[in-house]
Amino acid sequence: MAKKILVIDDEELITKSLLKLLDKEGYNTSIARSGEEAVNRVKESDFDLIICDIRMPEMDGIEMIKKIRSHLKKMSKKPIPEVLITGYADKEKYEEAMGLKVADYIYKPFDMLDFLRVVKKQLDN
């Protein structure tokens, strides 16, 4: 059975590119364009990996991760590894993400092969 990945980013070009890449690799990929939409998707379905942009309007990736983790804990579900992606070198957000012990942190633009290695590593754990 294909691993299920949720990709969250408000930039359509990013989500379309990652959807195409991950689907080509045989993953079952879903898209959310906002933190709120992502939280709702996690409430509706199980995922093996979350790939999320940090900077998004309304709810950033850090806040979204906290809400998803809270929901999973409340429902007694296992945690989902999160890979954060960002185009901004924001030391404060990086430290906050590391404090949450996210699975990985990748800067845009990233090499697609390196990105796929990170995805595979997280799904193989």
N, C-alpha and C. Protein backbone atom coordinates (compact mmCIF):
# COMPACT_ATOMS: atom_id res chain seq x y z
N MET A 1 0.84 -1.19 0.00
CA MET A 1 0.00 0.00 0.00
C MET A 1 0.88 1.25 0.00
N ALA A 2 0.52 2.20 -0.85
CA ALA A 2 1.33 3.42 -0.98
C ALA A 2 1.27 4.26 0.30
N LYS A 3 2.40 4.82 0.66
CA LYS A 3 2.47 5.71 1.81
C LYS A 3 1.72 7.00 1.49
N LYS A 4 1.02 7.53 2.50
CA LYS A 4 0.22 8.73 2.32
C LYS A 4 0.97 9.95 2.85
N ILE A 5 1.10 10.95 1.97
CA ILE A 5 1.82 12.18 2.30
C ILE A 5 0.87 13.36 2.15
N LEU A 6 0.90 14.26 3.13
CA LEU A 6 0.14 15.50 3.06
C LEU A 6 1.13 16.64 2.83
N VAL A 7 0.96 17.37 1.73
CA VAL A 7 1.80 18.52 1.40
C VAL A 7 0.99 19.78 1.65
N ILE A 8 1.54 20.69 2.47
CA ILE A 8 0.84 21.93 2.81
C ILE A 8 1.71 23.11 2.40
N ASP A 9 1.19 23.92 1.49
CA ASP A 9 1.88 25.12 1.06
C ASP A 9 0.85 26.03 0.40
N ASP A 10 0.94 27.32 0.62
CA ASP A 10 -0.01 28.26 0.01
C ASP A 10 0.38 28.62 -1.41
N GLU A 11 1.56 28.23 -1.85
CA GLU A 11 2.02 28.51 -3.22
C GLU A 11 1.64 27.36 -4.14
N GLU A 12 0.77 27.65 -5.10
CA GLU A 12 0.26 26.62 -6.00
C GLU A 12 1.37 25.94 -6.81
N LEU A 13 2.36 26.69 -7.25
CA LEU A 13 3.46 26.11 -8.03
C LEU A 13 4.20 25.05 -7.22
N ILE A 14 4.43 25.32 -5.94
CA ILE A 14 5.12 24.37 -5.08
C ILE A 14 4.28 23.10 -4.90
N THR A 15 3.00 23.27 -4.58
CA THR A 15 2.16 22.09 -4.33
C THR A 15 2.01 21.25 -5.60
N LYS A 16 1.84 21.89 -6.74
CA LYS A 16 1.71 21.13 -8.00
C LYS A 16 2.99 20.37 -8.31
N SER A 17 4.14 21.03 -8.13
CA SER A 17 5.43 20.39 -8.41
C SER A 17 5.67 19.19 -7.48
N LEU A 18 5.41 19.38 -6.19
CA LEU A 18 5.63 18.29 -5.23
C LEU A 18 4.63 17.16 -5.44
N LEU A 19 3.39 17.50 -5.76
CA LEU A 19 2.37 16.47 -6.04
C LEU A 19 2.82 15.60 -7.22
N LYS A 20 3.26 16.24 -8.28
CA LYS A 20 3.72 15.51 -9.48
C LYS A 20 4.92 14.61 -9.15
N LEU A 21 5.89 15.18 -8.45
CA LEU A 21 7.10 14.44 -8.09
C LEU A 21 6.78 13.24 -7.19
N LEU A 22 6.02 13.47 -6.14
CA LEU A 22 5.72 12.41 -5.17
C LEU A 22 4.80 11.34 -5.77
N ASP A 23 3.84 11.75 -6.57
CA ASP A 23 2.96 10.77 -7.23
C ASP A 23 3.78 9.88 -8.18
N LYS A 24 4.72 10.51 -8.90
CA LYS A 24 5.59 9.76 -9.82
C LYS A 24 6.41 8.70 -9.07
N GLU A 25 6.74 8.99 -7.81
CA GLU A 25 7.51 8.07 -6.98
C GLU A 25 6.62 6.99 -6.34
N GLY A 26 5.31 7.06 -6.60
CA GLY A 26 4.41 6.03 -6.10
C GLY A 26 3.74 6.33 -4.77
N TYR A 27 3.88 7.57 -4.29
CA TYR A 27 3.23 7.94 -3.03
C TYR A 27 1.81 8.40 -3.29
N ASN A 28 0.96 8.25 -2.30
CA ASN A 28 -0.41 8.75 -2.34
C ASN A 28 -0.37 10.14 -1.71
N THR A 29 -0.43 11.18 -2.54
CA THR A 29 -0.19 12.54 -2.07
C THR A 29 -1.47 13.37 -2.06
N SER A 30 -1.68 14.08 -0.95
CA SER A 30 -2.79 15.01 -0.83
C SER A 30 -2.23 16.41 -0.62
N ILE A 31 -3.01 17.40 -1.00
CA ILE A 31 -2.59 18.80 -0.91
C ILE A 31 -3.52 19.56 0.01
N ALA A 32 -2.93 20.47 0.79
CA ALA A 32 -3.70 21.46 1.54
C ALA A 32 -3.03 22.80 1.29
N ARG A 33 -3.82 23.84 1.11
CA ARG A 33 -3.27 25.15 0.79
C ARG A 33 -3.22 26.09 2.00
N SER A 34 -3.64 25.59 3.16
CA SER A 34 -3.60 26.42 4.37
C SER A 34 -3.44 25.52 5.59
N GLY A 35 -3.04 26.11 6.69
CA GLY A 35 -2.91 25.36 7.94
C GLY A 35 -4.23 24.79 8.40
N GLU A 36 -5.29 25.58 8.29
CA GLU A 36 -6.62 25.13 8.71
C GLU A 36 -7.08 23.94 7.87
N GLU A 37 -6.88 24.02 6.56
CA GLU A 37 -7.24 22.92 5.68
C GLU A 37 -6.44 21.66 6.04
N ALA A 38 -5.17 21.84 6.36
CA ALA A 38 -4.32 20.70 6.73
C ALA A 38 -4.81 20.03 8.01
N VAL A 39 -5.16 20.83 9.01
CA VAL A 39 -5.67 20.28 10.27
C VAL A 39 -6.93 19.46 9.99
N ASN A 40 -7.81 19.99 9.15
CA ASN A 40 -9.04 19.26 8.81
C ASN A 40 -8.75 17.97 8.06
N ARG A 41 -7.78 17.99 7.16
CA ARG A 41 -7.41 16.76 6.42
C ARG A 41 -6.90 15.67 7.37
N VAL A 42 -6.09 16.08 8.35
CA VAL A 42 -5.56 15.12 9.32
C VAL A 42 -6.68 14.55 10.18
N LYS A 43 -7.70 15.35 10.44
CA LYS A 43 -8.85 14.86 11.21
C LYS A 43 -9.66 13.84 10.41
N GLU A 44 -9.64 13.96 9.07
CA GLU A 44 -10.42 13.09 8.19
C GLU A 44 -9.69 11.83 7.76
N SER A 45 -8.37 11.85 7.75
CA SER A 45 -7.60 10.76 7.16
C SER A 45 -6.28 10.58 7.89
N ASP A 46 -5.68 9.40 7.74
CA ASP A 46 -4.37 9.13 8.32
C ASP A 46 -3.29 9.39 7.29
N PHE A 47 -2.16 9.94 7.74
CA PHE A 47 -1.03 10.21 6.87
C PHE A 47 0.23 9.63 7.47
N ASP A 48 1.20 9.30 6.60
CA ASP A 48 2.48 8.76 7.04
C ASP A 48 3.55 9.85 7.16
N LEU A 49 3.32 10.99 6.49
CA LEU A 49 4.29 12.07 6.49
C LEU A 49 3.58 13.38 6.16
N ILE A 50 4.03 14.45 6.82
CA ILE A 50 3.55 15.80 6.52
C ILE A 50 4.73 16.61 6.01
N ILE A 51 4.54 17.29 4.88
CA ILE A 51 5.53 18.20 4.33
C ILE A 51 4.86 19.57 4.32
N CYS A 52 5.45 20.52 5.02
CA CYS A 52 4.76 21.78 5.24
C CYS A 52 5.66 23.00 5.11
N ASP A 53 5.13 24.01 4.44
CA ASP A 53 5.79 25.31 4.41
C ASP A 53 5.64 25.95 5.79
N ILE A 54 6.60 26.74 6.17
CA ILE A 54 6.51 27.42 7.47
C ILE A 54 5.68 28.69 7.35
N ARG A 55 5.99 29.50 6.35
CA ARG A 55 5.32 30.81 6.23
C ARG A 55 4.10 30.69 5.35
N MET A 56 2.95 30.79 6.00
CA MET A 56 1.66 30.79 5.30
C MET A 56 0.76 31.82 5.98
N PRO A 57 -0.19 32.38 5.22
CA PRO A 57 -1.09 33.35 5.84
C PRO A 57 -2.00 32.68 6.88
N GLU A 58 -2.48 33.44 7.80
CA GLU A 58 -3.41 33.02 8.85
C GLU A 58 -2.80 32.09 9.89
N MET A 59 -2.35 30.91 9.49
CA MET A 59 -1.75 29.96 10.44
C MET A 59 -0.44 29.47 9.85
N ASP A 60 0.68 29.76 10.53
CA ASP A 60 1.97 29.31 9.98
C ASP A 60 2.17 27.82 10.26
N GLY A 61 3.22 27.27 9.67
CA GLY A 61 3.48 25.85 9.79
C GLY A 61 3.74 25.38 11.21
N ILE A 62 4.36 26.21 12.02
CA ILE A 62 4.65 25.85 13.41
C ILE A 62 3.34 25.70 14.19
N GLU A 63 2.48 26.69 14.06
CA GLU A 63 1.19 26.66 14.75
C GLU A 63 0.36 25.46 14.27
N MET A 64 0.39 25.21 12.95
CA MET A 64 -0.36 24.09 12.38
C MET A 64 0.13 22.75 12.95
N ILE A 65 1.45 22.59 13.06
CA ILE A 65 2.00 21.36 13.62
C ILE A 65 1.52 21.15 15.05
N LYS A 66 1.52 22.23 15.83
CA LYS A 66 1.06 22.13 17.22
C LYS A 66 -0.40 21.69 17.27
N LYS A 67 -1.24 22.24 16.39
CA LYS A 67 -2.66 21.86 16.37
C LYS A 67 -2.84 20.41 15.94
N ILE A 68 -2.09 19.99 14.93
CA ILE A 68 -2.19 18.60 14.47
C ILE A 68 -1.72 17.65 15.56
N ARG A 69 -0.61 17.96 16.19
CA ARG A 69 -0.11 17.10 17.27
C ARG A 69 -1.11 17.01 18.42
N SER A 70 -1.73 18.12 18.76
CA SER A 70 -2.73 18.14 19.83
C SER A 70 -3.91 17.25 19.47
N HIS A 71 -4.37 17.35 18.23
CA HIS A 71 -5.48 16.50 17.77
C HIS A 71 -5.11 15.02 17.83
N LEU A 72 -3.93 14.68 17.30
CA LEU A 72 -3.50 13.27 17.28
C LEU A 72 -3.40 12.72 18.70
N LYS A 73 -2.87 13.51 19.61
CA LYS A 73 -2.74 13.06 21.00
C LYS A 73 -4.11 12.84 21.63
N LYS A 74 -5.02 13.79 21.38
CA LYS A 74 -6.37 13.70 21.92
C LYS A 74 -7.09 12.45 21.40
N MET A 75 -6.81 12.08 20.14
CA MET A 75 -7.45 10.91 19.52
C MET A 75 -6.66 9.62 19.75
N SER A 76 -5.59 9.70 20.54
CA SER A 76 -4.70 8.56 20.83
C SER A 76 -4.13 7.95 19.55
N LYS A 77 -3.78 8.82 18.60
CA LYS A 77 -3.16 8.36 17.35
C LYS A 77 -1.66 8.62 17.41
N LYS A 78 -0.92 7.83 16.66
CA LYS A 78 0.54 7.99 16.65
C LYS A 78 0.93 9.29 15.95
N PRO A 79 2.06 9.88 16.38
CA PRO A 79 2.53 11.11 15.74
C PRO A 79 2.88 10.88 14.27
N ILE A 80 2.78 11.93 13.49
CA ILE A 80 3.15 11.90 12.07
C ILE A 80 4.43 12.72 11.92
N PRO A 81 5.48 12.16 11.33
CA PRO A 81 6.69 12.95 11.13
C PRO A 81 6.42 14.16 10.23
N GLU A 82 7.05 15.29 10.54
CA GLU A 82 6.87 16.50 9.76
C GLU A 82 8.20 16.95 9.17
N VAL A 83 8.16 17.29 7.89
CA VAL A 83 9.31 17.90 7.21
C VAL A 83 8.89 19.32 6.86
N LEU A 84 9.60 20.29 7.38
CA LEU A 84 9.29 21.69 7.11
C LEU A 84 10.13 22.19 5.96
N ILE A 85 9.49 22.97 5.08
CA ILE A 85 10.20 23.60 3.97
C ILE A 85 9.99 25.10 4.06
N THR A 86 11.02 25.86 3.71
CA THR A 86 10.90 27.31 3.77
C THR A 86 11.84 27.98 2.79
N GLY A 87 11.42 29.13 2.32
CA GLY A 87 12.27 29.94 1.45
C GLY A 87 12.94 31.06 2.21
N TYR A 88 12.74 31.09 3.53
CA TYR A 88 13.26 32.19 4.34
C TYR A 88 14.21 31.66 5.42
N ALA A 89 15.33 32.32 5.56
CA ALA A 89 16.29 31.94 6.60
C ALA A 89 15.90 32.69 7.88
N ASP A 90 14.93 32.16 8.59
CA ASP A 90 14.41 32.77 9.81
C ASP A 90 14.91 31.96 10.99
N LYS A 91 15.92 32.50 11.69
CA LYS A 91 16.56 31.76 12.79
C LYS A 91 15.56 31.41 13.89
N GLU A 92 14.67 32.34 14.20
CA GLU A 92 13.69 32.10 15.26
C GLU A 92 12.76 30.93 14.91
N LYS A 93 12.26 30.90 13.67
CA LYS A 93 11.37 29.80 13.25
C LYS A 93 12.14 28.48 13.20
N TYR A 94 13.39 28.53 12.75
CA TYR A 94 14.22 27.32 12.72
C TYR A 94 14.37 26.76 14.13
N GLU A 95 14.71 27.63 15.08
CA GLU A 95 14.89 27.17 16.47
C GLU A 95 13.59 26.65 17.07
N GLU A 96 12.48 27.29 16.71
CA GLU A 96 11.17 26.82 17.19
C GLU A 96 10.87 25.43 16.61
N ALA A 97 11.17 25.25 15.33
CA ALA A 97 10.95 23.95 14.68
C ALA A 97 11.83 22.88 15.32
N MET A 98 13.08 23.21 15.59
CA MET A 98 13.97 22.24 16.21
C MET A 98 13.51 21.92 17.64
N GLY A 99 12.95 22.92 18.31
CA GLY A 99 12.40 22.70 19.64
C GLY A 99 11.23 21.73 19.62
N LEU A 100 10.50 21.72 18.50
CA LEU A 100 9.38 20.78 18.33
C LEU A 100 9.87 19.39 17.90
N LYS A 101 11.17 19.31 17.61
CA LYS A 101 11.78 18.06 17.14
C LYS A 101 11.10 17.55 15.86
N VAL A 102 10.96 18.47 14.87
CA VAL A 102 10.43 18.05 13.57
C VAL A 102 11.44 17.09 12.93
N ALA A 103 10.95 16.27 12.03
CA ALA A 103 11.80 15.25 11.40
C ALA A 103 12.92 15.86 10.56
N ASP A 104 12.61 16.94 9.83
CA ASP A 104 13.64 17.57 8.99
C ASP A 104 13.21 18.98 8.64
N TYR A 105 14.16 19.75 8.11
CA TYR A 105 13.96 21.16 7.79
C TYR A 105 14.73 21.42 6.51
N ILE A 106 14.03 21.84 5.45
CA ILE A 106 14.67 22.01 4.14
C ILE A 106 14.44 23.44 3.64
N TYR A 107 15.49 24.05 3.10
CA TYR A 107 15.37 25.39 2.52
C TYR A 107 15.05 25.31 1.04
N LYS A 108 14.09 26.15 0.59
CA LYS A 108 13.78 26.30 -0.83
C LYS A 108 14.78 27.30 -1.42
N PRO A 109 15.15 27.19 -2.65
CA PRO A 109 14.84 26.06 -3.53
C PRO A 109 15.70 24.86 -3.16
N PHE A 110 15.13 23.69 -3.27
CA PHE A 110 15.88 22.49 -2.91
C PHE A 110 16.04 21.58 -4.12
N ASP A 111 17.06 20.76 -4.06
CA ASP A 111 17.30 19.77 -5.09
C ASP A 111 16.28 18.65 -4.93
N MET A 112 15.61 18.29 -6.00
CA MET A 112 14.54 17.29 -5.92
C MET A 112 15.05 15.92 -5.43
N LEU A 113 16.26 15.54 -5.83
CA LEU A 113 16.81 14.25 -5.37
C LEU A 113 17.07 14.27 -3.87
N ASP A 114 17.60 15.40 -3.38
CA ASP A 114 17.82 15.55 -1.93
C ASP A 114 16.48 15.52 -1.20
N PHE A 115 15.48 16.19 -1.75
CA PHE A 115 14.15 16.20 -1.16
C PHE A 115 13.59 14.77 -1.08
N LEU A 116 13.71 14.02 -2.16
CA LEU A 116 13.20 12.64 -2.17
C LEU A 116 13.94 11.75 -1.18
N ARG A 117 15.24 11.99 -0.99
CA ARG A 117 16.00 11.23 0.01
C ARG A 117 15.45 11.49 1.41
N VAL A 118 15.14 12.75 1.70
CA VAL A 118 14.57 13.10 3.01
C VAL A 118 13.21 12.41 3.19
N VAL A 119 12.38 12.45 2.17
CA VAL A 119 11.06 11.81 2.23
C VAL A 119 11.22 10.32 2.48
N LYS A 120 12.06 9.67 1.70
CA LYS A 120 12.26 8.22 1.83
C LYS A 120 12.79 7.87 3.23
N LYS A 121 13.74 8.66 3.70
CA LYS A 121 14.32 8.42 5.04
C LYS A 121 13.23 8.47 6.10
N GLN A 122 12.36 9.44 6.03
CA GLN A 122 11.30 9.58 7.03
C GLN A 122 10.27 8.46 6.93
N LEU A 123 9.96 8.04 5.74
CA LEU A 123 8.95 6.99 5.56
C LEU A 123 9.51 5.59 5.89
N ASP A 124 10.84 5.45 5.84
CA ASP A 124 11.46 4.18 6.15
C ASP A 124 11.71 4.00 7.65
N ASN A 125 11.56 5.07 8.43
CA ASN A 125 11.79 4.99 9.89
C ASN A 125 10.70 4.19 10.58
